[in-house]
Amino acid sequence: MASFSVDDIDIDPVEFMNECSRWEIDEVIEWLIERDHINSKNSNSDEELNHNDNDFLRNVDAIGKSKHLLSVEEEDIINRIGGKFKHLY
């Protein structure tokens, strides 16, 4: 009987997801949420948020994506702010 290892199989994630049904994609999303890889689905659409909320969310997202560009002091400030609220989630 033939044997395969993980190293023998190369699956492109984009190709894999393109072949998934809507239900399967929802299952992947739930799996990612449960393991804290992504935030839970937001019930508020961008249209329901005001301008200040949209700016805030875009800025927080930009900070997260640019962590490698932050100074130690900036990172400490953000960590202190986040530390005040992490017990809520």
N, C-alpha and C. Protein backbone atom coordinates (compact mmCIF):
# COMPACT_ATOMS: atom_id res chain seq x y z
N MET A 1 0.85 -1.18 0.00
CA MET A 1 0.00 0.00 0.00
C MET A 1 0.89 1.24 0.00
N ALA A 2 0.53 2.20 -0.80
CA ALA A 2 1.30 3.44 -0.88
C ALA A 2 1.13 4.25 0.39
N SER A 3 2.18 4.94 0.77
CA SER A 3 2.08 5.81 1.95
C SER A 3 2.44 7.23 1.53
N PHE A 4 1.80 8.17 2.17
CA PHE A 4 2.01 9.58 1.87
C PHE A 4 2.32 10.32 3.16
N SER A 5 3.16 11.32 3.05
CA SER A 5 3.40 12.19 4.20
C SER A 5 2.89 13.58 3.86
N VAL A 6 2.79 14.40 4.86
CA VAL A 6 2.33 15.78 4.67
C VAL A 6 3.23 16.51 3.68
N ASP A 7 4.50 16.19 3.69
CA ASP A 7 5.45 16.86 2.80
C ASP A 7 5.24 16.49 1.33
N ASP A 8 4.55 15.37 1.06
CA ASP A 8 4.30 14.93 -0.31
C ASP A 8 3.16 15.68 -0.98
N ILE A 9 2.36 16.38 -0.21
CA ILE A 9 1.17 17.03 -0.73
C ILE A 9 1.32 18.54 -0.63
N ASP A 10 1.13 19.23 -1.74
CA ASP A 10 1.23 20.69 -1.76
C ASP A 10 -0.09 21.24 -2.29
N ILE A 11 -0.89 21.81 -1.40
CA ILE A 11 -2.19 22.35 -1.78
C ILE A 11 -2.16 23.86 -1.63
N ASP A 12 -2.47 24.55 -2.70
CA ASP A 12 -2.54 26.01 -2.65
C ASP A 12 -3.80 26.42 -1.88
N PRO A 13 -3.66 27.23 -0.83
CA PRO A 13 -4.83 27.62 -0.03
C PRO A 13 -5.92 28.30 -0.85
N VAL A 14 -5.55 29.13 -1.81
CA VAL A 14 -6.55 29.82 -2.62
C VAL A 14 -7.33 28.82 -3.47
N GLU A 15 -6.62 27.89 -4.09
CA GLU A 15 -7.30 26.86 -4.89
C GLU A 15 -8.23 26.03 -4.01
N PHE A 16 -7.75 25.67 -2.82
CA PHE A 16 -8.56 24.87 -1.90
C PHE A 16 -9.85 25.61 -1.54
N MET A 17 -9.72 26.88 -1.14
CA MET A 17 -10.90 27.65 -0.72
C MET A 17 -11.85 27.89 -1.89
N ASN A 18 -11.31 28.05 -3.09
CA ASN A 18 -12.17 28.23 -4.26
C ASN A 18 -13.04 27.01 -4.53
N GLU A 19 -12.59 25.85 -4.11
CA GLU A 19 -13.35 24.62 -4.32
C GLU A 19 -14.34 24.33 -3.19
N CYS A 20 -14.27 25.10 -2.11
CA CYS A 20 -15.15 24.88 -0.96
C CYS A 20 -16.54 25.46 -1.20
N SER A 21 -17.53 24.80 -0.60
CA SER A 21 -18.90 25.33 -0.64
C SER A 21 -19.02 26.46 0.38
N ARG A 22 -20.11 27.19 0.32
CA ARG A 22 -20.35 28.27 1.29
C ARG A 22 -20.37 27.70 2.71
N TRP A 23 -20.99 26.55 2.89
CA TRP A 23 -21.06 25.90 4.20
C TRP A 23 -19.66 25.56 4.69
N GLU A 24 -18.81 25.02 3.82
CA GLU A 24 -17.45 24.65 4.21
C GLU A 24 -16.63 25.89 4.58
N ILE A 25 -16.81 26.96 3.85
CA ILE A 25 -16.11 28.21 4.17
C ILE A 25 -16.56 28.73 5.53
N ASP A 26 -17.87 28.66 5.81
CA ASP A 26 -18.38 29.07 7.13
C ASP A 26 -17.75 28.23 8.23
N GLU A 27 -17.56 26.94 7.97
CA GLU A 27 -16.93 26.06 8.96
C GLU A 27 -15.48 26.48 9.20
N VAL A 28 -14.76 26.83 8.15
CA VAL A 28 -13.38 27.30 8.30
C VAL A 28 -13.35 28.58 9.12
N ILE A 29 -14.27 29.49 8.84
CA ILE A 29 -14.35 30.75 9.58
C ILE A 29 -14.59 30.48 11.06
N GLU A 30 -15.54 29.61 11.36
CA GLU A 30 -15.82 29.27 12.77
C GLU A 30 -14.59 28.66 13.44
N TRP A 31 -13.87 27.80 12.72
CA TRP A 31 -12.66 27.17 13.25
C TRP A 31 -11.62 28.24 13.58
N LEU A 32 -11.44 29.21 12.67
CA LEU A 32 -10.49 30.29 12.90
C LEU A 32 -10.89 31.17 14.08
N ILE A 33 -12.19 31.44 14.23
CA ILE A 33 -12.68 32.24 15.35
C ILE A 33 -12.44 31.51 16.66
N GLU A 34 -12.77 30.23 16.72
CA GLU A 34 -12.62 29.45 17.95
C GLU A 34 -11.17 29.41 18.42
N ARG A 35 -10.24 29.47 17.51
CA ARG A 35 -8.83 29.41 17.86
C ARG A 35 -8.17 30.79 17.91
N ASP A 36 -9.01 31.84 17.92
CA ASP A 36 -8.54 33.23 18.03
C ASP A 36 -7.57 33.65 16.92
N HIS A 37 -7.73 33.06 15.74
CA HIS A 37 -6.93 33.50 14.59
C HIS A 37 -7.56 34.73 13.94
N ILE A 38 -8.89 34.85 14.05
CA ILE A 38 -9.61 36.02 13.55
C ILE A 38 -10.66 36.40 14.58
N ASN A 39 -11.13 37.64 14.50
CA ASN A 39 -12.20 38.10 15.38
C ASN A 39 -13.52 37.51 14.91
N SER A 40 -14.46 37.46 15.82
CA SER A 40 -15.77 36.91 15.47
C SER A 40 -16.44 37.78 14.43
N LYS A 41 -17.41 37.20 13.77
CA LYS A 41 -18.14 37.92 12.73
C LYS A 41 -18.79 39.14 13.35
N ASN A 42 -18.65 40.26 12.70
CA ASN A 42 -19.21 41.51 13.20
C ASN A 42 -20.61 41.67 12.63
N SER A 43 -21.58 41.84 13.50
CA SER A 43 -22.96 42.00 13.03
C SER A 43 -23.21 43.39 12.48
N ASN A 44 -22.33 44.34 12.79
CA ASN A 44 -22.47 45.70 12.27
C ASN A 44 -21.76 45.82 10.94
N SER A 45 -22.46 46.27 9.95
CA SER A 45 -21.80 46.55 8.68
C SER A 45 -21.18 47.93 8.77
N ASP A 46 -20.27 48.24 7.85
CA ASP A 46 -19.62 49.56 7.86
C ASP A 46 -20.63 50.68 7.74
N GLU A 47 -21.75 50.42 7.06
CA GLU A 47 -22.75 51.47 6.89
C GLU A 47 -23.43 51.82 8.22
N GLU A 48 -23.46 50.88 9.17
CA GLU A 48 -24.11 51.12 10.45
C GLU A 48 -23.20 51.88 11.42
N LEU A 49 -21.92 51.95 11.12
CA LEU A 49 -20.98 52.63 11.99
C LEU A 49 -20.85 54.09 11.57
N ASN A 50 -20.60 54.95 12.55
CA ASN A 50 -20.41 56.35 12.19
C ASN A 50 -18.97 56.58 11.71
N HIS A 51 -18.71 57.76 11.22
CA HIS A 51 -17.40 58.08 10.65
C HIS A 51 -16.27 57.87 11.66
N ASN A 52 -16.47 58.30 12.90
CA ASN A 52 -15.44 58.15 13.92
C ASN A 52 -15.15 56.68 14.22
N ASP A 53 -16.21 55.86 14.27
CA ASP A 53 -16.02 54.42 14.50
C ASP A 53 -15.24 53.78 13.37
N ASN A 54 -15.58 54.15 12.13
CA ASN A 54 -14.86 53.61 10.98
C ASN A 54 -13.39 54.02 11.01
N ASP A 55 -13.12 55.28 11.34
CA ASP A 55 -11.73 55.74 11.45
C ASP A 55 -10.98 54.96 12.52
N PHE A 56 -11.63 54.78 13.67
CA PHE A 56 -11.00 54.06 14.77
C PHE A 56 -10.65 52.64 14.35
N LEU A 57 -11.60 51.93 13.74
CA LEU A 57 -11.36 50.55 13.33
C LEU A 57 -10.26 50.46 12.27
N ARG A 58 -10.24 51.39 11.34
CA ARG A 58 -9.18 51.40 10.32
C ARG A 58 -7.81 51.66 10.97
N ASN A 59 -7.78 52.57 11.93
CA ASN A 59 -6.51 52.88 12.61
C ASN A 59 -6.01 51.70 13.43
N VAL A 60 -6.90 51.04 14.16
CA VAL A 60 -6.50 49.88 14.94
C VAL A 60 -5.99 48.77 14.01
N ASP A 61 -6.68 48.58 12.89
CA ASP A 61 -6.25 47.58 11.92
C ASP A 61 -4.87 47.93 11.36
N ALA A 62 -4.65 49.21 11.05
CA ALA A 62 -3.35 49.65 10.51
C ALA A 62 -2.23 49.42 11.53
N ILE A 63 -2.52 49.68 12.81
CA ILE A 63 -1.52 49.45 13.85
C ILE A 63 -1.18 47.96 13.92
N GLY A 64 -2.20 47.12 13.90
CA GLY A 64 -1.97 45.68 13.96
C GLY A 64 -1.13 45.18 12.79
N LYS A 65 -1.38 45.72 11.62
CA LYS A 65 -0.64 45.29 10.43
C LYS A 65 0.76 45.88 10.37
N SER A 66 1.02 46.92 11.17
CA SER A 66 2.31 47.61 11.13
C SER A 66 3.10 47.44 12.42
N LYS A 67 2.80 46.42 13.19
CA LYS A 67 3.45 46.22 14.48
C LYS A 67 4.97 46.26 14.36
N HIS A 68 5.49 45.70 13.31
CA HIS A 68 6.94 45.65 13.13
C HIS A 68 7.57 47.03 12.95
N LEU A 69 6.75 48.05 12.69
CA LEU A 69 7.26 49.41 12.51
C LEU A 69 7.18 50.25 13.78
N LEU A 70 6.54 49.72 14.82
CA LEU A 70 6.36 50.48 16.06
C LEU A 70 7.65 50.53 16.87
N SER A 71 7.83 51.64 17.57
CA SER A 71 8.95 51.72 18.51
C SER A 71 8.56 50.93 19.76
N VAL A 72 9.54 50.65 20.59
CA VAL A 72 9.27 49.94 21.84
C VAL A 72 8.30 50.74 22.70
N GLU A 73 8.47 52.05 22.73
CA GLU A 73 7.59 52.91 23.53
C GLU A 73 6.15 52.86 23.01
N GLU A 74 5.99 52.93 21.69
CA GLU A 74 4.64 52.87 21.11
C GLU A 74 3.98 51.53 21.41
N GLU A 75 4.75 50.46 21.29
CA GLU A 75 4.22 49.13 21.58
C GLU A 75 3.81 49.02 23.04
N ASP A 76 4.61 49.56 23.95
CA ASP A 76 4.28 49.54 25.38
C ASP A 76 2.98 50.30 25.65
N ILE A 77 2.80 51.45 25.02
CA ILE A 77 1.57 52.24 25.20
C ILE A 77 0.36 51.43 24.74
N ILE A 78 0.46 50.83 23.57
CA ILE A 78 -0.65 50.04 23.03
C ILE A 78 -0.93 48.85 23.93
N ASN A 79 0.12 48.19 24.42
CA ASN A 79 -0.07 47.04 25.31
C ASN A 79 -0.73 47.45 26.63
N ARG A 80 -0.38 48.62 27.15
CA ARG A 80 -1.02 49.10 28.39
C ARG A 80 -2.50 49.38 28.15
N ILE A 81 -2.81 50.02 27.03
CA ILE A 81 -4.22 50.30 26.71
C ILE A 81 -4.98 48.99 26.54
N GLY A 82 -4.43 48.07 25.77
CA GLY A 82 -5.09 46.78 25.56
C GLY A 82 -5.25 45.99 26.85
N GLY A 83 -4.27 46.10 27.74
CA GLY A 83 -4.34 45.39 29.01
C GLY A 83 -5.51 45.81 29.87
N LYS A 84 -5.96 47.05 29.71
CA LYS A 84 -7.11 47.53 30.48
C LYS A 84 -8.40 46.83 30.07
N PHE A 85 -8.46 46.32 28.85
CA PHE A 85 -9.71 45.80 28.31
C PHE A 85 -9.70 44.31 28.00
N LYS A 86 -8.54 43.66 28.03
CA LYS A 86 -8.49 42.27 27.60
C LYS A 86 -9.30 41.34 28.50
N HIS A 87 -9.53 41.72 29.74
CA HIS A 87 -10.34 40.88 30.62
C HIS A 87 -11.81 40.84 30.20
N LEU A 88 -12.21 41.76 29.33
CA LEU A 88 -13.60 41.81 28.88
C LEU A 88 -13.88 40.78 27.80
N TYR A 89 -12.83 40.21 27.18
CA TYR A 89 -13.03 39.29 26.06
C TYR A 89 -12.39 37.96 26.28
